[in-house]
Amino acid sequence: MPSILDQSALDQLFCAARTHNVWQSRPVEDELLTRVYNSMRMGPTSANCSPARIVFVKSKEAKEKLKPAMSAGNLAKTMAAPVTAIIGYDMQFYEKMPQLFPHDLSARSWFDKDEATAFTAAFRNGTLQGAYLMLAARAYGLDCGPMSGFDNDMVDKLFFAGTHVKSNFLCNLGYGDPAKLFPRSPRLSFDEACSIL
């Protein structure tokens, strides 16, 4: 039976973790990004379909490529972040179903007959995987700055041309500056957001 994480682990993942907008100039090593991915990929998706496709925008050249797609409010913090992850989803994820769900080779046919069905599965599960990415990053000591506020179509043309991948959201990664955080915004209470039937 899994043990309960101690409060310090819960704080690192949820309770004390914050969305960062100001970044220290500490680099994020490629090996750490690999470790983050290798942990996040273990999170559950429908029939293990794993539609997320991620581009870690890290080099100066790649950041310049991303720059024109950013909204004004997200531009400076994205250019300053050590890494910006483009979390996308593959609309033809089902092509890999024989590899990912080998105990039922009919699984591809659950998704490949209808574009709307494929989109729903790709977007839902790709979004889940984006959340797993943030939790894995926090688990390895990174801070996150997830955001919308960019031109999806432009990002798709710049980074996913010739593929069936569509961008979902962006997430800056690195080591945030805690001195530049503003007070945490309120959250809904259990009773406001939940019911037990």
N, C-alpha and C. Protein backbone atom coordinates (compact mmCIF):
# COMPACT_ATOMS: atom_id res chain seq x y z
N MET A 1 0.84 -1.19 0.00
CA MET A 1 0.00 0.00 0.00
C MET A 1 0.88 1.24 0.00
N PRO A 2 0.61 2.21 -0.89
CA PRO A 2 1.45 3.42 -0.93
C PRO A 2 1.40 4.18 0.39
N SER A 3 2.53 4.74 0.77
CA SER A 3 2.56 5.56 1.97
C SER A 3 2.11 6.98 1.65
N ILE A 4 1.70 7.70 2.67
CA ILE A 4 1.28 9.09 2.50
C ILE A 4 2.53 9.97 2.47
N LEU A 5 2.60 10.87 1.51
CA LEU A 5 3.72 11.80 1.45
C LEU A 5 3.72 12.70 2.68
N ASP A 6 4.90 13.06 3.14
CA ASP A 6 4.96 13.97 4.29
C ASP A 6 4.62 15.39 3.82
N GLN A 7 4.41 16.27 4.79
CA GLN A 7 3.94 17.62 4.48
C GLN A 7 4.94 18.38 3.63
N SER A 8 6.23 18.14 3.81
CA SER A 8 7.21 18.87 3.01
C SER A 8 7.09 18.50 1.53
N ALA A 9 6.80 17.24 1.24
CA ALA A 9 6.60 16.83 -0.16
C ALA A 9 5.32 17.45 -0.72
N LEU A 10 4.27 17.44 0.08
CA LEU A 10 3.02 18.06 -0.37
C LEU A 10 3.19 19.56 -0.59
N ASP A 11 3.97 20.19 0.28
CA ASP A 11 4.24 21.62 0.10
C ASP A 11 4.97 21.88 -1.21
N GLN A 12 5.97 21.05 -1.51
CA GLN A 12 6.76 21.25 -2.73
C GLN A 12 5.92 21.07 -3.99
N LEU A 13 4.98 20.14 -3.94
CA LEU A 13 4.15 19.87 -5.11
C LEU A 13 2.96 20.80 -5.21
N PHE A 14 2.34 21.15 -4.06
CA PHE A 14 1.07 21.86 -4.08
C PHE A 14 1.02 23.08 -3.16
N CYS A 15 1.13 22.83 -1.87
CA CYS A 15 0.70 23.82 -0.87
C CYS A 15 1.57 25.07 -0.85
N ALA A 16 2.88 24.92 -1.03
CA ALA A 16 3.77 26.07 -1.02
C ALA A 16 4.26 26.43 -2.41
N ALA A 17 4.03 25.58 -3.38
CA ALA A 17 4.48 25.84 -4.75
C ALA A 17 3.70 27.01 -5.34
N ARG A 18 4.37 27.82 -6.15
CA ARG A 18 3.76 29.00 -6.73
C ARG A 18 4.03 29.07 -8.21
N THR A 19 3.20 29.82 -8.92
CA THR A 19 3.46 30.14 -10.32
C THR A 19 4.46 31.29 -10.36
N HIS A 20 5.57 31.07 -11.04
CA HIS A 20 6.63 32.07 -11.08
C HIS A 20 6.62 32.84 -12.39
N ASN A 21 6.94 34.13 -12.29
CA ASN A 21 7.05 35.02 -13.44
C ASN A 21 8.42 35.67 -13.57
N VAL A 22 9.23 35.59 -12.52
CA VAL A 22 10.57 36.17 -12.52
C VAL A 22 11.56 35.04 -12.23
N TRP A 23 12.63 34.99 -13.03
CA TRP A 23 13.51 33.82 -13.02
C TRP A 23 14.93 34.19 -12.65
N GLN A 24 15.56 33.30 -11.86
CA GLN A 24 16.99 33.40 -11.62
C GLN A 24 17.74 32.98 -12.88
N SER A 25 18.98 33.36 -12.98
CA SER A 25 19.77 33.05 -14.18
C SER A 25 20.47 31.70 -14.08
N ARG A 26 19.93 30.79 -13.28
CA ARG A 26 20.48 29.43 -13.17
C ARG A 26 20.01 28.60 -14.35
N PRO A 27 20.92 27.87 -14.99
CA PRO A 27 20.52 27.04 -16.13
C PRO A 27 19.78 25.78 -15.68
N VAL A 28 19.03 25.21 -16.60
CA VAL A 28 18.37 23.92 -16.40
C VAL A 28 19.03 22.94 -17.35
N GLU A 29 19.64 21.91 -16.81
CA GLU A 29 20.40 20.96 -17.63
C GLU A 29 19.46 20.05 -18.42
N ASP A 30 19.92 19.64 -19.60
CA ASP A 30 19.12 18.74 -20.44
C ASP A 30 18.80 17.44 -19.71
N GLU A 31 19.76 16.95 -18.93
CA GLU A 31 19.55 15.68 -18.21
C GLU A 31 18.40 15.80 -17.22
N LEU A 32 18.23 16.97 -16.63
CA LEU A 32 17.12 17.18 -15.70
C LEU A 32 15.80 17.17 -16.44
N LEU A 33 15.75 17.78 -17.61
CA LEU A 33 14.53 17.75 -18.41
C LEU A 33 14.16 16.32 -18.80
N THR A 34 15.17 15.52 -19.09
CA THR A 34 14.92 14.11 -19.41
C THR A 34 14.33 13.38 -18.21
N ARG A 35 14.86 13.66 -17.03
CA ARG A 35 14.34 13.02 -15.81
C ARG A 35 12.89 13.46 -15.55
N VAL A 36 12.61 14.74 -15.77
CA VAL A 36 11.25 15.24 -15.60
C VAL A 36 10.30 14.50 -16.54
N TYR A 37 10.69 14.40 -17.83
CA TYR A 37 9.83 13.70 -18.78
C TYR A 37 9.65 12.23 -18.40
N ASN A 38 10.73 11.57 -18.00
CA ASN A 38 10.64 10.14 -17.69
C ASN A 38 9.76 9.86 -16.49
N SER A 39 9.56 10.86 -15.63
CA SER A 39 8.61 10.71 -14.52
C SER A 39 7.20 11.05 -14.97
N MET A 40 7.02 12.16 -15.69
CA MET A 40 5.67 12.57 -16.08
C MET A 40 5.01 11.57 -17.01
N ARG A 41 5.77 10.87 -17.82
CA ARG A 41 5.19 9.93 -18.79
C ARG A 41 4.50 8.75 -18.11
N MET A 42 4.78 8.55 -16.82
CA MET A 42 4.18 7.44 -16.10
C MET A 42 2.77 7.75 -15.60
N GLY A 43 2.33 9.00 -15.69
CA GLY A 43 0.97 9.35 -15.28
C GLY A 43 -0.06 8.72 -16.21
N PRO A 44 -1.25 8.43 -15.70
CA PRO A 44 -2.26 7.72 -16.50
C PRO A 44 -2.89 8.58 -17.59
N THR A 45 -3.15 7.93 -18.72
CA THR A 45 -3.94 8.50 -19.81
C THR A 45 -4.88 7.42 -20.32
N SER A 46 -5.90 7.81 -21.06
CA SER A 46 -6.89 6.86 -21.57
C SER A 46 -6.21 5.81 -22.43
N ALA A 47 -6.33 4.55 -22.04
CA ALA A 47 -5.72 3.44 -22.78
C ALA A 47 -4.24 3.69 -23.03
N ASN A 48 -3.61 4.39 -22.11
CA ASN A 48 -2.18 4.71 -22.21
C ASN A 48 -1.85 5.42 -23.52
N CYS A 49 -2.77 6.25 -24.01
CA CYS A 49 -2.61 6.83 -25.35
C CYS A 49 -1.50 7.86 -25.44
N SER A 50 -1.16 8.52 -24.37
CA SER A 50 0.04 9.38 -24.27
C SER A 50 0.19 10.34 -25.45
N PRO A 51 -0.77 11.25 -25.66
CA PRO A 51 -0.71 12.12 -26.84
C PRO A 51 0.19 13.34 -26.69
N ALA A 52 0.69 13.63 -25.51
CA ALA A 52 1.49 14.85 -25.33
C ALA A 52 2.78 14.77 -26.13
N ARG A 53 3.10 15.88 -26.76
CA ARG A 53 4.38 16.05 -27.43
C ARG A 53 4.95 17.38 -26.95
N ILE A 54 6.18 17.38 -26.50
CA ILE A 54 6.74 18.54 -25.81
C ILE A 54 7.99 19.01 -26.52
N VAL A 55 8.06 20.31 -26.75
CA VAL A 55 9.28 20.95 -27.22
C VAL A 55 9.80 21.81 -26.08
N PHE A 56 11.03 21.53 -25.64
CA PHE A 56 11.67 22.36 -24.61
C PHE A 56 12.47 23.44 -25.32
N VAL A 57 11.97 24.65 -25.29
CA VAL A 57 12.59 25.78 -25.97
C VAL A 57 13.63 26.36 -25.00
N LYS A 58 14.90 26.20 -25.37
CA LYS A 58 15.96 26.51 -24.42
C LYS A 58 17.06 27.40 -25.01
N SER A 59 17.45 27.16 -26.23
CA SER A 59 18.55 27.93 -26.82
C SER A 59 18.09 29.35 -27.15
N LYS A 60 19.07 30.23 -27.30
CA LYS A 60 18.75 31.61 -27.68
C LYS A 60 18.03 31.65 -29.02
N GLU A 61 18.46 30.81 -29.96
CA GLU A 61 17.85 30.78 -31.28
C GLU A 61 16.40 30.32 -31.20
N ALA A 62 16.14 29.30 -30.40
CA ALA A 62 14.77 28.79 -30.26
C ALA A 62 13.88 29.82 -29.57
N LYS A 63 14.43 30.53 -28.56
CA LYS A 63 13.65 31.57 -27.89
C LYS A 63 13.29 32.69 -28.86
N GLU A 64 14.21 33.07 -29.72
CA GLU A 64 13.93 34.09 -30.72
C GLU A 64 12.85 33.63 -31.70
N LYS A 65 12.87 32.35 -32.00
CA LYS A 65 11.85 31.78 -32.88
C LYS A 65 10.47 31.85 -32.25
N LEU A 66 10.41 31.63 -30.93
CA LEU A 66 9.15 31.67 -30.19
C LEU A 66 8.65 33.09 -29.98
N LYS A 67 9.55 34.03 -29.92
CA LYS A 67 9.25 35.41 -29.51
C LYS A 67 8.05 36.03 -30.21
N PRO A 68 7.93 35.96 -31.55
CA PRO A 68 6.80 36.66 -32.19
C PRO A 68 5.44 36.06 -31.88
N ALA A 69 5.40 34.86 -31.34
CA ALA A 69 4.12 34.22 -31.01
C ALA A 69 3.61 34.60 -29.64
N MET A 70 4.42 35.30 -28.84
CA MET A 70 4.04 35.59 -27.46
C MET A 70 3.22 36.87 -27.36
N SER A 71 2.23 36.85 -26.46
CA SER A 71 1.50 38.07 -26.16
C SER A 71 2.41 39.02 -25.38
N ALA A 72 2.07 40.29 -25.40
CA ALA A 72 2.91 41.30 -24.76
C ALA A 72 3.12 41.01 -23.27
N GLY A 73 2.07 40.56 -22.59
CA GLY A 73 2.16 40.32 -21.16
C GLY A 73 3.01 39.12 -20.78
N ASN A 74 3.25 38.22 -21.72
CA ASN A 74 4.03 37.02 -21.43
C ASN A 74 5.41 37.03 -22.06
N LEU A 75 5.72 38.07 -22.82
CA LEU A 75 6.95 38.06 -23.60
C LEU A 75 8.20 38.12 -22.74
N ALA A 76 8.31 39.11 -21.86
CA ALA A 76 9.55 39.32 -21.11
C ALA A 76 9.87 38.12 -20.22
N LYS A 77 8.87 37.61 -19.52
CA LYS A 77 9.13 36.50 -18.60
C LYS A 77 9.49 35.23 -19.36
N THR A 78 8.95 35.07 -20.56
CA THR A 78 9.27 33.89 -21.35
C THR A 78 10.68 33.98 -21.91
N MET A 79 11.08 35.15 -22.35
CA MET A 79 12.45 35.32 -22.84
C MET A 79 13.47 35.15 -21.71
N ALA A 80 13.09 35.48 -20.48
CA ALA A 80 14.01 35.39 -19.34
C ALA A 80 14.05 33.98 -18.75
N ALA A 81 13.03 33.18 -18.96
CA ALA A 81 12.99 31.83 -18.36
C ALA A 81 14.07 30.95 -18.98
N PRO A 82 14.72 30.12 -18.19
CA PRO A 82 15.72 29.21 -18.75
C PRO A 82 15.17 28.26 -19.81
N VAL A 83 13.93 27.82 -19.61
CA VAL A 83 13.29 26.87 -20.53
C VAL A 83 11.82 27.25 -20.65
N THR A 84 11.29 27.14 -21.85
CA THR A 84 9.85 27.23 -22.06
C THR A 84 9.40 25.93 -22.71
N ALA A 85 8.54 25.19 -22.04
CA ALA A 85 8.01 23.95 -22.59
C ALA A 85 6.75 24.25 -23.39
N ILE A 86 6.74 23.85 -24.65
CA ILE A 86 5.53 23.89 -25.44
C ILE A 86 4.86 22.54 -25.29
N ILE A 87 3.72 22.52 -24.62
CA ILE A 87 2.99 21.26 -24.42
C ILE A 87 1.98 21.14 -25.54
N GLY A 88 2.18 20.19 -26.40
CA GLY A 88 1.28 19.95 -27.52
C GLY A 88 0.61 18.60 -27.40
N TYR A 89 -0.30 18.34 -28.33
CA TYR A 89 -0.97 17.04 -28.37
C TYR A 89 -1.01 16.57 -29.82
N ASP A 90 -0.75 15.30 -30.01
CA ASP A 90 -0.68 14.71 -31.34
C ASP A 90 -2.07 14.22 -31.74
N MET A 91 -2.63 14.81 -32.79
CA MET A 91 -3.96 14.42 -33.24
C MET A 91 -3.98 13.02 -33.85
N GLN A 92 -2.82 12.47 -34.17
CA GLN A 92 -2.75 11.09 -34.65
C GLN A 92 -2.00 10.21 -33.66
N PHE A 93 -2.20 10.49 -32.38
CA PHE A 93 -1.59 9.69 -31.32
C PHE A 93 -1.88 8.21 -31.47
N TYR A 94 -3.03 7.91 -32.08
CA TYR A 94 -3.47 6.51 -32.18
C TYR A 94 -2.54 5.66 -33.03
N GLU A 95 -1.69 6.29 -33.83
CA GLU A 95 -0.73 5.52 -34.62
C GLU A 95 0.23 4.74 -33.73
N LYS A 96 0.43 5.21 -32.50
CA LYS A 96 1.34 4.53 -31.58
C LYS A 96 0.61 3.58 -30.62
N MET A 97 -0.69 3.40 -30.81
CA MET A 97 -1.43 2.52 -29.90
C MET A 97 -0.92 1.08 -29.88
N PRO A 98 -0.51 0.50 -31.01
CA PRO A 98 0.03 -0.87 -30.92
C PRO A 98 1.25 -0.97 -30.00
N GLN A 99 2.04 0.09 -29.95
CA GLN A 99 3.20 0.13 -29.06
C GLN A 99 2.79 0.37 -27.62
N LEU A 100 1.81 1.25 -27.42
CA LEU A 100 1.47 1.70 -26.07
C LEU A 100 0.41 0.84 -25.39
N PHE A 101 -0.39 0.12 -26.16
CA PHE A 101 -1.48 -0.69 -25.61
C PHE A 101 -1.46 -2.06 -26.29
N PRO A 102 -0.33 -2.78 -26.19
CA PRO A 102 -0.14 -3.99 -27.00
C PRO A 102 -1.05 -5.15 -26.63
N HIS A 103 -1.65 -5.13 -25.46
CA HIS A 103 -2.50 -6.25 -25.07
C HIS A 103 -3.87 -6.21 -25.73
N ASP A 104 -4.18 -5.10 -26.44
CA ASP A 104 -5.42 -5.03 -27.21
C ASP A 104 -5.14 -4.25 -28.48
N LEU A 105 -4.84 -4.94 -29.54
CA LEU A 105 -4.45 -4.30 -30.79
C LEU A 105 -5.62 -3.65 -31.52
N SER A 106 -6.81 -3.78 -30.98
CA SER A 106 -7.94 -3.06 -31.58
C SER A 106 -8.04 -1.62 -31.06
N ALA A 107 -7.19 -1.25 -30.12
CA ALA A 107 -7.30 0.06 -29.46
C ALA A 107 -7.17 1.21 -30.45
N ARG A 108 -6.39 1.04 -31.49
CA ARG A 108 -6.25 2.11 -32.48
C ARG A 108 -7.61 2.49 -33.06
N SER A 109 -8.44 1.49 -33.29
CA SER A 109 -9.74 1.73 -33.92
C SER A 109 -10.72 2.47 -33.01
N TRP A 110 -10.41 2.59 -31.73
CA TRP A 110 -11.27 3.33 -30.81
C TRP A 110 -11.20 4.83 -31.08
N PHE A 111 -10.13 5.26 -31.73
CA PHE A 111 -9.87 6.69 -31.89
C PHE A 111 -9.73 7.16 -33.34
N ASP A 112 -9.42 6.27 -34.26
CA ASP A 112 -9.01 6.72 -35.59
C ASP A 112 -10.14 6.86 -36.60
N LYS A 113 -11.37 6.63 -36.18
CA LYS A 113 -12.49 6.67 -37.12
C LYS A 113 -13.13 8.06 -37.24
N ASP A 114 -12.88 8.90 -36.24
CA ASP A 114 -13.60 10.17 -36.18
C ASP A 114 -12.67 11.24 -35.61
N GLU A 115 -12.53 12.34 -36.33
CA GLU A 115 -11.60 13.39 -35.89
C GLU A 115 -12.03 14.02 -34.57
N ALA A 116 -13.34 14.16 -34.34
CA ALA A 116 -13.80 14.75 -33.08
C ALA A 116 -13.45 13.86 -31.89
N THR A 117 -13.60 12.55 -32.07
CA THR A 117 -13.23 11.61 -31.00
C THR A 117 -11.73 11.68 -30.73
N ALA A 118 -10.94 11.73 -31.80
CA ALA A 118 -9.49 11.82 -31.64
C ALA A 118 -9.11 13.13 -30.95
N PHE A 119 -9.74 14.24 -31.34
CA PHE A 119 -9.42 15.52 -30.71
C PHE A 119 -9.73 15.50 -29.22
N THR A 120 -10.91 14.99 -28.86
CA THR A 120 -11.28 14.96 -27.44
C THR A 120 -10.27 14.17 -26.63
N ALA A 121 -9.88 13.01 -27.13
CA ALA A 121 -8.91 12.17 -26.41
C ALA A 121 -7.54 12.84 -26.38
N ALA A 122 -7.12 13.42 -27.49
CA ALA A 122 -5.79 14.03 -27.56
C ALA A 122 -5.71 15.25 -26.64
N PHE A 123 -6.72 16.11 -26.70
CA PHE A 123 -6.68 17.34 -25.92
C PHE A 123 -6.81 17.03 -24.43
N ARG A 124 -7.74 16.17 -24.07
CA ARG A 124 -7.95 15.84 -22.65
C ARG A 124 -6.70 15.21 -22.05
N ASN A 125 -6.20 14.18 -22.71
CA ASN A 125 -5.07 13.45 -22.15
C ASN A 125 -3.76 14.22 -22.27
N GLY A 126 -3.63 15.02 -23.34
CA GLY A 126 -2.46 15.86 -23.45
C GLY A 126 -2.42 16.93 -22.37
N THR A 127 -3.59 17.45 -22.00
CA THR A 127 -3.67 18.42 -20.91
C THR A 127 -3.30 17.77 -19.58
N LEU A 128 -3.81 16.56 -19.35
CA LEU A 128 -3.41 15.82 -18.14
C LEU A 128 -1.90 15.67 -18.09
N GLN A 129 -1.30 15.31 -19.22
CA GLN A 129 0.15 15.11 -19.23
C GLN A 129 0.90 16.41 -18.99
N GLY A 130 0.33 17.52 -19.44
CA GLY A 130 0.94 18.81 -19.12
C GLY A 130 0.94 19.08 -17.63
N ALA A 131 -0.14 18.70 -16.95
CA ALA A 131 -0.18 18.84 -15.49
C ALA A 131 0.82 17.91 -14.82
N TYR A 132 0.94 16.68 -15.34
CA TYR A 132 1.95 15.77 -14.79
C TYR A 132 3.35 16.36 -14.97
N LEU A 133 3.58 17.02 -16.10
CA LEU A 133 4.88 17.64 -16.34
C LEU A 133 5.19 18.66 -15.25
N MET A 134 4.22 19.49 -14.90
CA MET A 134 4.46 20.50 -13.87
C MET A 134 4.74 19.87 -12.51
N LEU A 135 3.99 18.84 -12.17
CA LEU A 135 4.24 18.17 -10.89
C LEU A 135 5.61 17.49 -10.87
N ALA A 136 5.98 16.87 -11.99
CA ALA A 136 7.30 16.24 -12.06
C ALA A 136 8.39 17.30 -11.96
N ALA A 137 8.22 18.43 -12.64
CA ALA A 137 9.21 19.50 -12.56
C ALA A 137 9.36 19.98 -11.11
N ARG A 138 8.25 20.18 -10.44
CA ARG A 138 8.32 20.60 -9.04
C ARG A 138 8.98 19.53 -8.18
N ALA A 139 8.71 18.28 -8.46
CA ALA A 139 9.31 17.19 -7.68
C ALA A 139 10.83 17.19 -7.81
N TYR A 140 11.34 17.64 -8.95
CA TYR A 140 12.79 17.70 -9.17
C TYR A 140 13.38 19.06 -8.83
N GLY A 141 12.60 19.91 -8.16
CA GLY A 141 13.13 21.16 -7.65
C GLY A 141 13.02 22.35 -8.58
N LEU A 142 12.30 22.20 -9.69
CA LEU A 142 12.10 23.31 -10.61
C LEU A 142 10.83 24.08 -10.25
N ASP A 143 10.78 25.31 -10.64
CA ASP A 143 9.57 26.11 -10.55
C ASP A 143 8.91 26.18 -11.92
N CYS A 144 7.61 26.46 -11.92
CA CYS A 144 6.81 26.46 -13.15
C CYS A 144 6.08 27.79 -13.31
N GLY A 145 5.91 28.16 -14.57
CA GLY A 145 5.09 29.31 -14.91
C GLY A 145 4.20 28.98 -16.09
N PRO A 146 3.11 28.22 -15.86
CA PRO A 146 2.22 27.85 -16.98
C PRO A 146 1.45 29.06 -17.49
N MET A 147 1.13 29.06 -18.78
CA MET A 147 0.43 30.21 -19.34
C MET A 147 -0.24 29.89 -20.66
N SER A 148 -1.28 30.65 -20.92
CA SER A 148 -1.84 30.81 -22.25
C SER A 148 -1.21 32.10 -22.78
N GLY A 149 -1.94 32.91 -23.51
CA GLY A 149 -1.39 34.18 -23.92
C GLY A 149 -0.30 34.06 -24.98
N PHE A 150 -0.59 33.28 -26.02
CA PHE A 150 0.31 33.17 -27.15
C PHE A 150 -0.53 32.79 -28.36
N ASP A 151 0.06 32.91 -29.52
CA ASP A 151 -0.63 32.60 -30.77
C ASP A 151 -0.43 31.12 -31.10
N ASN A 152 -1.46 30.30 -30.83
CA ASN A 152 -1.34 28.86 -31.05
C ASN A 152 -1.00 28.53 -32.49
N ASP A 153 -1.69 29.19 -33.43
CA ASP A 153 -1.46 28.88 -34.84
C ASP A 153 -0.02 29.18 -35.23
N MET A 154 0.51 30.28 -34.75
CA MET A 154 1.89 30.61 -35.08
C MET A 154 2.87 29.61 -34.47
N VAL A 155 2.64 29.23 -33.22
CA VAL A 155 3.49 28.23 -32.59
C VAL A 155 3.45 26.92 -33.36
N ASP A 156 2.25 26.53 -33.79
CA ASP A 156 2.13 25.28 -34.55
C ASP A 156 2.93 25.36 -35.85
N LYS A 157 2.87 26.49 -36.52
CA LYS A 157 3.62 26.64 -37.78
C LYS A 157 5.12 26.68 -37.52
N LEU A 158 5.53 27.32 -36.44
CA LEU A 158 6.96 27.47 -36.16
C LEU A 158 7.61 26.20 -35.62
N PHE A 159 6.86 25.44 -34.80
CA PHE A 159 7.48 24.31 -34.11
C PHE A 159 6.91 22.94 -34.48
N PHE A 160 5.73 22.89 -35.07
CA PHE A 160 5.11 21.60 -35.37
C PHE A 160 4.75 21.45 -36.84
N ALA A 161 5.37 22.24 -37.70
CA ALA A 161 5.06 22.16 -39.14
C ALA A 161 5.36 20.75 -39.65
N GLY A 162 4.45 20.24 -40.51
CA GLY A 162 4.64 18.92 -41.08
C GLY A 162 4.28 17.78 -40.17
N THR A 163 3.67 18.09 -39.01
CA THR A 163 3.25 17.06 -38.07
C THR A 163 1.74 17.18 -37.84
N HIS A 164 1.22 16.32 -37.01
CA HIS A 164 -0.19 16.38 -36.60
C HIS A 164 -0.31 16.90 -35.16
N VAL A 165 0.72 17.60 -34.69
CA VAL A 165 0.76 18.10 -33.32
C VAL A 165 0.22 19.53 -33.28
N LYS A 166 -0.61 19.80 -32.28
CA LYS A 166 -1.16 21.13 -32.02
C LYS A 166 -0.72 21.58 -30.64
N SER A 167 -0.41 22.86 -30.50
CA SER A 167 -0.01 23.38 -29.19
C SER A 167 -1.22 23.55 -28.28
N ASN A 168 -1.00 23.29 -27.00
CA ASN A 168 -2.04 23.43 -25.99
C ASN A 168 -1.73 24.63 -25.10
N PHE A 169 -0.66 24.54 -24.31
CA PHE A 169 -0.25 25.67 -23.47
C PHE A 169 1.26 25.65 -23.32
N LEU A 170 1.78 26.72 -22.76
CA LEU A 170 3.21 26.85 -22.51
C LEU A 170 3.47 26.82 -21.02
N CYS A 171 4.68 26.40 -20.66
CA CYS A 171 5.06 26.42 -19.25
C CYS A 171 6.53 26.78 -19.14
N ASN A 172 6.81 27.95 -18.57
CA ASN A 172 8.19 28.31 -18.28
C ASN A 172 8.70 27.44 -17.13
N LEU A 173 9.96 27.05 -17.24
CA LEU A 173 10.59 26.19 -16.24
C LEU A 173 11.93 26.77 -15.84
N GLY A 174 12.27 26.63 -14.59
CA GLY A 174 13.56 27.11 -14.10
C GLY A 174 13.52 27.27 -12.60
N TYR A 175 14.29 28.23 -12.12
CA TYR A 175 14.36 28.50 -10.69
C TYR A 175 13.84 29.92 -10.48
N GLY A 176 12.65 30.01 -9.93
CA GLY A 176 12.01 31.30 -9.77
C GLY A 176 12.65 32.13 -8.67
N ASP A 177 12.36 33.42 -8.70
CA ASP A 177 12.84 34.35 -7.67
C ASP A 177 11.71 34.53 -6.65
N PRO A 178 11.83 33.89 -5.47
CA PRO A 178 10.73 33.98 -4.50
C PRO A 178 10.49 35.39 -3.98
N ALA A 179 11.50 36.25 -4.06
CA ALA A 179 11.33 37.63 -3.58
C ALA A 179 10.39 38.42 -4.47
N LYS A 180 10.14 37.95 -5.68
CA LYS A 180 9.30 38.69 -6.63
C LYS A 180 7.88 38.15 -6.71
N LEU A 181 7.54 37.21 -5.84
CA LEU A 181 6.18 36.67 -5.83
C LEU A 181 5.23 37.65 -5.16
N PHE A 182 4.02 37.74 -5.69
CA PHE A 182 2.98 38.51 -5.01
C PHE A 182 2.16 37.54 -4.16
N PRO A 183 1.33 38.04 -3.23
CA PRO A 183 0.58 37.14 -2.35
C PRO A 183 -0.26 36.14 -3.12
N ARG A 184 -0.35 34.94 -2.58
CA ARG A 184 -1.12 33.89 -3.23
C ARG A 184 -2.60 34.27 -3.30
N SER A 185 -3.20 33.99 -4.44
CA SER A 185 -4.63 34.24 -4.60
C SER A 185 -5.45 33.20 -3.85
N PRO A 186 -6.69 33.54 -3.47
CA PRO A 186 -7.52 32.58 -2.73
C PRO A 186 -7.87 31.36 -3.58
N ARG A 187 -8.27 30.30 -2.92
CA ARG A 187 -8.78 29.10 -3.57
C ARG A 187 -10.17 28.81 -3.01
N LEU A 188 -10.96 28.08 -3.76
CA LEU A 188 -12.27 27.68 -3.28
C LEU A 188 -12.13 26.62 -2.19
N SER A 189 -13.02 26.67 -1.22
CA SER A 189 -13.03 25.65 -0.17
C SER A 189 -13.62 24.36 -0.72
N PHE A 190 -13.46 23.29 0.02
CA PHE A 190 -14.04 22.01 -0.37
C PHE A 190 -15.54 22.14 -0.59
N ASP A 191 -16.23 22.78 0.35
CA ASP A 191 -17.68 22.89 0.24
C ASP A 191 -18.13 23.73 -0.94
N GLU A 192 -17.30 24.69 -1.34
CA GLU A 192 -17.64 25.52 -2.49
C GLU A 192 -17.48 24.78 -3.82
N ALA A 193 -16.57 23.82 -3.86
CA ALA A 193 -16.22 23.19 -5.13
C ALA A 193 -16.60 21.72 -5.23
N CYS A 194 -16.92 21.09 -4.11
CA CYS A 194 -17.09 19.64 -4.10
C CYS A 194 -18.39 19.22 -3.42
N SER A 195 -18.81 18.03 -3.77
CA SER A 195 -19.89 17.38 -3.02
C SER A 195 -19.58 15.89 -2.94
N ILE A 196 -20.07 15.26 -1.94
CA ILE A 196 -19.95 13.82 -1.76
C ILE A 196 -21.34 13.24 -1.75
N LEU A 197 -21.65 12.38 -2.70
CA LEU A 197 -23.00 11.83 -2.83
C LEU A 197 -23.02 10.37 -2.40
